Amino acid sequence: MNIAFFLLPKQEVVCMTLDATLRQTLERMEHHRYTAVPILDHDGGYAGTLTEGDLLWFMKNNPNISFEQTNKVKLADVQMRLTNRAVRIDANMVDLVSLAKVQNFVPVVDDMNRFIGIVRRSDIIDYCEKLILSGKPLNEKEMAAG
């Protein structure tokens, strides 16, 4: 199985840039009901994943910033506590599944580290469920062959 089979393309992903403000990010995450979003750098590369926890810790550690002032804070100033790793589009399924165990989604990049989309953990689980229900065995060799 190829990773591209699971790819949700960049155009369909809610992502933010390092230039986005804290307020823009909060509003977008609230609107879509997301707890994490991929962050892109100035060149369209994957810069990390920002979580609700990152936003809460930032607000806690910066009590001088009121909610009204969040439109002046850039995401580049918000520390991301976790390092969610990305995979290249040509990675094997074992790598993808390993990351999906600990991340809600896995960012996917091209060979120049440009963000091209995500693979959602739920899509991988759905696929595995269908394989199990069909009676087809899941083995590492098949998954690595991708």
C-alpha atoms as a PDB file:
ATOM      1  CA  MET A   1       0.000   0.000   0.000  1.00  0.00           C
ATOM      2  CA  ASN A   2       1.279   3.438  -0.932  1.00  0.00           C
ATOM      3  CA  ILE A   3       1.044   6.401   1.478  1.00  0.00           C
ATOM      4  CA  ALA A   4      -0.525   8.477  -1.301  1.00  0.00           C
ATOM      5  CA  PHE A   5      -3.615   6.260  -1.022  1.00  0.00           C
ATOM      6  CA  PHE A   6      -4.298   7.810   2.417  1.00  0.00           C
ATOM      7  CA  LEU A   7      -3.171  11.368   1.648  1.00  0.00           C
ATOM      8  CA  LEU A   8      -5.524  14.247   2.376  1.00  0.00           C
ATOM      9  CA  PRO A   9      -4.021  16.905   0.081  1.00  0.00           C
ATOM     10  CA  LYS A  10      -2.811  20.251   1.367  1.00  0.00           C
ATOM     11  CA  GLN A  11      -5.734  22.064  -0.295  1.00  0.00           C
ATOM     12  CA  GLU A  12      -8.136  20.168   1.978  1.00  0.00           C
ATOM     13  CA  VAL A  13      -6.115  20.552   5.192  1.00  0.00           C
ATOM     14  CA  VAL A  14      -6.624  23.339   7.702  1.00  0.00           C
ATOM     15  CA  CYS A  15      -3.099  24.569   8.283  1.00  0.00           C
ATOM     16  CA  MET A  16      -1.543  27.815   9.460  1.00  0.00           C
ATOM     17  CA  THR A  17       1.696  29.630   8.724  1.00  0.00           C
ATOM     18  CA  LEU A  18       4.261  30.954  11.177  1.00  0.00           C
ATOM     19  CA  ASP A  19       3.033  34.459  10.280  1.00  0.00           C
ATOM     20  CA  ALA A  20      -0.533  33.727  11.406  1.00  0.00           C
ATOM     21  CA  THR A  21      -1.606  35.293  14.660  1.00  0.00           C
ATOM     22  CA  LEU A  22      -2.593  33.483  17.800  1.00  0.00           C
ATOM     23  CA  ARG A  23      -6.115  34.871  17.415  1.00  0.00           C
ATOM     24  CA  GLN A  24      -6.465  33.641  13.820  1.00  0.00           C
ATOM     25  CA  THR A  25      -5.303  30.201  14.868  1.00  0.00           C
ATOM     26  CA  LEU A  26      -7.635  29.991  17.868  1.00  0.00           C
ATOM     27  CA  GLU A  27     -10.601  31.021  15.751  1.00  0.00           C
ATOM     28  CA  ARG A  28      -9.788  28.603  12.960  1.00  0.00           C
ATOM     29  CA  MET A  29      -9.251  25.691  15.344  1.00  0.00           C
ATOM     30  CA  GLU A  30     -12.523  26.513  17.114  1.00  0.00           C
ATOM     31  CA  HIS A  31     -14.441  26.802  13.837  1.00  0.00           C
ATOM     32  CA  HIS A  32     -13.222  23.398  12.605  1.00  0.00           C
ATOM     33  CA  ARG A  33     -13.229  21.844  16.105  1.00  0.00           C
ATOM     34  CA  TYR A  34      -9.595  20.755  15.750  1.00  0.00           C
ATOM     35  CA  THR A  35      -7.217  20.182  18.632  1.00  0.00           C
ATOM     36  CA  ALA A  36      -4.088  20.437  16.471  1.00  0.00           C
ATOM     37  CA  VAL A  37      -3.080  21.962  13.127  1.00  0.00           C
ATOM     38  CA  PRO A  38       0.032  21.703  10.970  1.00  0.00           C
ATOM     39  CA  ILE A  39       2.167  24.847  10.805  1.00  0.00           C
ATOM     40  CA  LEU A  40       3.988  25.789   7.599  1.00  0.00           C
ATOM     41  CA  ASP A  41       7.074  27.947   7.217  1.00  0.00           C
ATOM     42  CA  HIS A  42       7.567  30.736   4.673  1.00  0.00           C
ATOM     43  CA  ASP A  43       8.589  28.256   1.952  1.00  0.00           C
ATOM     44  CA  GLY A  44       5.602  25.943   2.413  1.00  0.00           C
ATOM     45  CA  GLY A  45       7.652  23.465   4.438  1.00  0.00           C
ATOM     46  CA  TYR A  46       6.313  21.641   7.457  1.00  0.00           C
ATOM     47  CA  ALA A  47       7.386  23.590  10.576  1.00  0.00           C
ATOM     48  CA  GLY A  48       5.537  21.561  13.208  1.00  0.00           C
ATOM     49  CA  THR A  49       2.142  20.823  14.684  1.00  0.00           C
ATOM     50  CA  LEU A  50       0.507  23.288  17.036  1.00  0.00           C
ATOM     51  CA  THR A  51      -1.855  21.885  19.663  1.00  0.00           C
ATOM     52  CA  GLU A  52      -4.454  23.369  21.990  1.00  0.00           C
ATOM     53  CA  GLY A  53      -2.029  22.577  24.790  1.00  0.00           C
ATOM     54  CA  ASP A  54       0.668  24.707  23.167  1.00  0.00           C
ATOM     55  CA  LEU A  55      -1.772  27.620  23.028  1.00  0.00           C
ATOM     56  CA  LEU A  56      -2.849  27.146  26.644  1.00  0.00           C
ATOM     57  CA  TRP A  57       0.738  26.924  27.907  1.00  0.00           C
ATOM     58  CA  PHE A  58       1.633  30.053  25.954  1.00  0.00           C
ATOM     59  CA  MET A  59      -1.264  31.994  27.478  1.00  0.00           C
ATOM     60  CA  LYS A  60      -0.441  30.690  30.972  1.00  0.00           C
ATOM     61  CA  ASN A  61       3.232  31.631  30.665  1.00  0.00           C
ATOM     62  CA  ASN A  62       2.448  35.072  29.216  1.00  0.00           C
ATOM     63  CA  PRO A  63      -0.175  36.535  31.576  1.00  0.00           C
ATOM     64  CA  ASN A  64       0.580  40.019  30.246  1.00  0.00           C
ATOM     65  CA  ILE A  65      -1.090  39.037  26.945  1.00  0.00           C
ATOM     66  CA  SER A  66      -4.865  39.397  27.114  1.00  0.00           C
ATOM     67  CA  PHE A  67      -7.205  37.674  24.706  1.00  0.00           C
ATOM     68  CA  GLU A  68      -7.707  41.008  22.957  1.00  0.00           C
ATOM     69  CA  GLN A  69      -3.936  41.140  22.299  1.00  0.00           C
ATOM     70  CA  THR A  70      -3.745  37.710  20.696  1.00  0.00           C
ATOM     71  CA  ASN A  71      -4.062  39.323  17.283  1.00  0.00           C
ATOM     72  CA  LYS A  72      -0.564  40.771  17.802  1.00  0.00           C
ATOM     73  CA  VAL A  73       1.193  37.486  18.634  1.00  0.00           C
ATOM     74  CA  LYS A  74       2.611  35.478  15.714  1.00  0.00           C
ATOM     75  CA  LEU A  75       2.694  31.674  15.800  1.00  0.00           C
ATOM     76  CA  ALA A  76       6.458  31.896  15.348  1.00  0.00           C
ATOM     77  CA  ASP A  77       6.505  33.112  18.992  1.00  0.00           C
ATOM     78  CA  VAL A  78       4.526  30.138  20.334  1.00  0.00           C
ATOM     79  CA  GLN A  79       6.600  27.157  21.443  1.00  0.00           C
ATOM     80  CA  MET A  80       5.427  23.765  20.242  1.00  0.00           C
ATOM     81  CA  ARG A  81       5.928  21.300  23.092  1.00  0.00           C
ATOM     82  CA  LEU A  82       5.750  18.134  21.007  1.00  0.00           C
ATOM     83  CA  THR A  83       7.706  17.277  17.908  1.00  0.00           C
ATOM     84  CA  ASN A  84       5.277  15.622  15.524  1.00  0.00           C
ATOM     85  CA  ARG A  85       7.368  14.080  12.800  1.00  0.00           C
ATOM     86  CA  ALA A  86       6.459  14.135   9.147  1.00  0.00           C
ATOM     87  CA  VAL A  87       7.010  11.378   6.597  1.00  0.00           C
ATOM     88  CA  ARG A  88       8.077  11.709   3.010  1.00  0.00           C
ATOM     89  CA  ILE A  89       5.564  10.667   0.398  1.00  0.00           C
ATOM     90  CA  ASP A  90       7.827   7.723  -0.525  1.00  0.00           C
ATOM     91  CA  ALA A  91       8.051   6.396   3.061  1.00  0.00           C
ATOM     92  CA  ASN A  92       6.859   2.894   3.781  1.00  0.00           C
ATOM     93  CA  MET A  93       3.674   1.980   5.614  1.00  0.00           C
ATOM     94  CA  VAL A  94       5.525   0.757   8.699  1.00  0.00           C
ATOM     95  CA  ASP A  95       6.940   4.251   9.253  1.00  0.00           C
ATOM     96  CA  LEU A  96       3.509   5.783   8.737  1.00  0.00           C
ATOM     97  CA  VAL A  97       1.798   3.426  11.176  1.00  0.00           C
ATOM     98  CA  SER A  98       4.542   3.935  13.786  1.00  0.00           C
ATOM     99  CA  LEU A  99       3.926   7.694  13.763  1.00  0.00           C
ATOM    100  CA  ALA A 100       0.141   7.359  13.597  1.00  0.00           C
ATOM    101  CA  LYS A 101       0.232   5.436  16.882  1.00  0.00           C
ATOM    102  CA  VAL A 102       1.337   8.599  18.701  1.00  0.00           C
ATOM    103  CA  GLN A 103      -0.012  11.396  16.461  1.00  0.00           C
ATOM    104  CA  ASN A 104      -3.625  12.123  15.428  1.00  0.00           C
ATOM    105  CA  PHE A 105      -2.350  12.840  11.949  1.00  0.00           C
ATOM    106  CA  VAL A 106       0.947  12.426  10.163  1.00  0.00           C
ATOM    107  CA  PRO A 107       2.170  15.336   8.037  1.00  0.00           C
ATOM    108  CA  VAL A 108       3.471  14.306   4.623  1.00  0.00           C
ATOM    109  CA  VAL A 109       6.215  16.190   2.785  1.00  0.00           C
ATOM    110  CA  ASP A 110       7.878  15.913  -0.597  1.00  0.00           C
ATOM    111  CA  ASP A 111      11.612  15.448  -1.146  1.00  0.00           C
ATOM    112  CA  MET A 112      12.165  19.213  -0.587  1.00  0.00           C
ATOM    113  CA  ASN A 113      10.337  19.103   2.809  1.00  0.00           C
ATOM    114  CA  ARG A 114       7.373  20.993   1.327  1.00  0.00           C
ATOM    115  CA  PHE A 115       4.115  20.123   3.016  1.00  0.00           C
ATOM    116  CA  ILE A 116       1.793  18.228   0.669  1.00  0.00           C
ATOM    117  CA  GLY A 117      -0.882  16.981   3.061  1.00  0.00           C
ATOM    118  CA  ILE A 118      -1.646  14.713   5.976  1.00  0.00           C
ATOM    119  CA  VAL A 119      -2.613  11.155   6.688  1.00  0.00           C
ATOM    120  CA  ARG A 120      -5.222  10.897   9.423  1.00  0.00           C
ATOM    121  CA  ARG A 121      -4.872   8.139  11.983  1.00  0.00           C
ATOM    122  CA  SER A 122      -8.593   7.402  11.635  1.00  0.00           C
ATOM    123  CA  ASP A 123      -8.145   6.627   7.908  1.00  0.00           C
ATOM    124  CA  ILE A 124      -5.388   4.126   8.676  1.00  0.00           C
ATOM    125  CA  ILE A 125      -7.526   2.471  11.353  1.00  0.00           C
ATOM    126  CA  ASP A 126     -10.499   2.295   8.964  1.00  0.00           C
ATOM    127  CA  TYR A 127      -8.316   0.656   6.322  1.00  0.00           C
ATOM    128  CA  CYS A 128      -6.959  -1.882   8.811  1.00  0.00           C
ATOM    129  CA  GLU A 129     -10.470  -2.614  10.032  1.00  0.00           C
ATOM    130  CA  LYS A 130     -11.576  -3.407   6.467  1.00  0.00           C
ATOM    131  CA  LEU A 131      -8.598  -5.722   6.015  1.00  0.00           C
ATOM    132  CA  ILE A 132      -9.359  -7.528   9.251  1.00  0.00           C
ATOM    133  CA  LEU A 133     -13.040  -7.896   8.416  1.00  0.00           C
ATOM    134  CA  SER A 134     -12.174  -9.183   4.940  1.00  0.00           C
ATOM    135  CA  GLY A 135     -10.021 -11.889   6.502  1.00  0.00           C
ATOM    136  CA  LYS A 136      -6.875 -10.699   4.739  1.00  0.00           C
ATOM    137  CA  PRO A 137      -3.908 -11.038   7.118  1.00  0.00           C
ATOM    138  CA  LEU A 138      -1.972  -7.942   8.096  1.00  0.00           C
ATOM    139  CA  ASN A 139       1.726  -8.629   8.070  1.00  0.00           C
ATOM    140  CA  GLU A 140       4.774  -6.402   8.171  1.00  0.00           C
ATOM    141  CA  LYS A 141       6.036  -7.568   4.776  1.00  0.00           C
ATOM    142  CA  GLU A 142       2.860  -6.415   3.023  1.00  0.00           C
ATOM    143  CA  MET A 143       2.843  -3.106   4.867  1.00  0.00           C
ATOM    144  CA  ALA A 144       6.538  -2.465   4.130  1.00  0.00           C
ATOM    145  CA  ALA A 145       6.021  -3.205   0.451  1.00  0.00           C
ATOM    146  CA  GLY A 146       3.565  -0.264   0.343  1.00  0.00           C
END
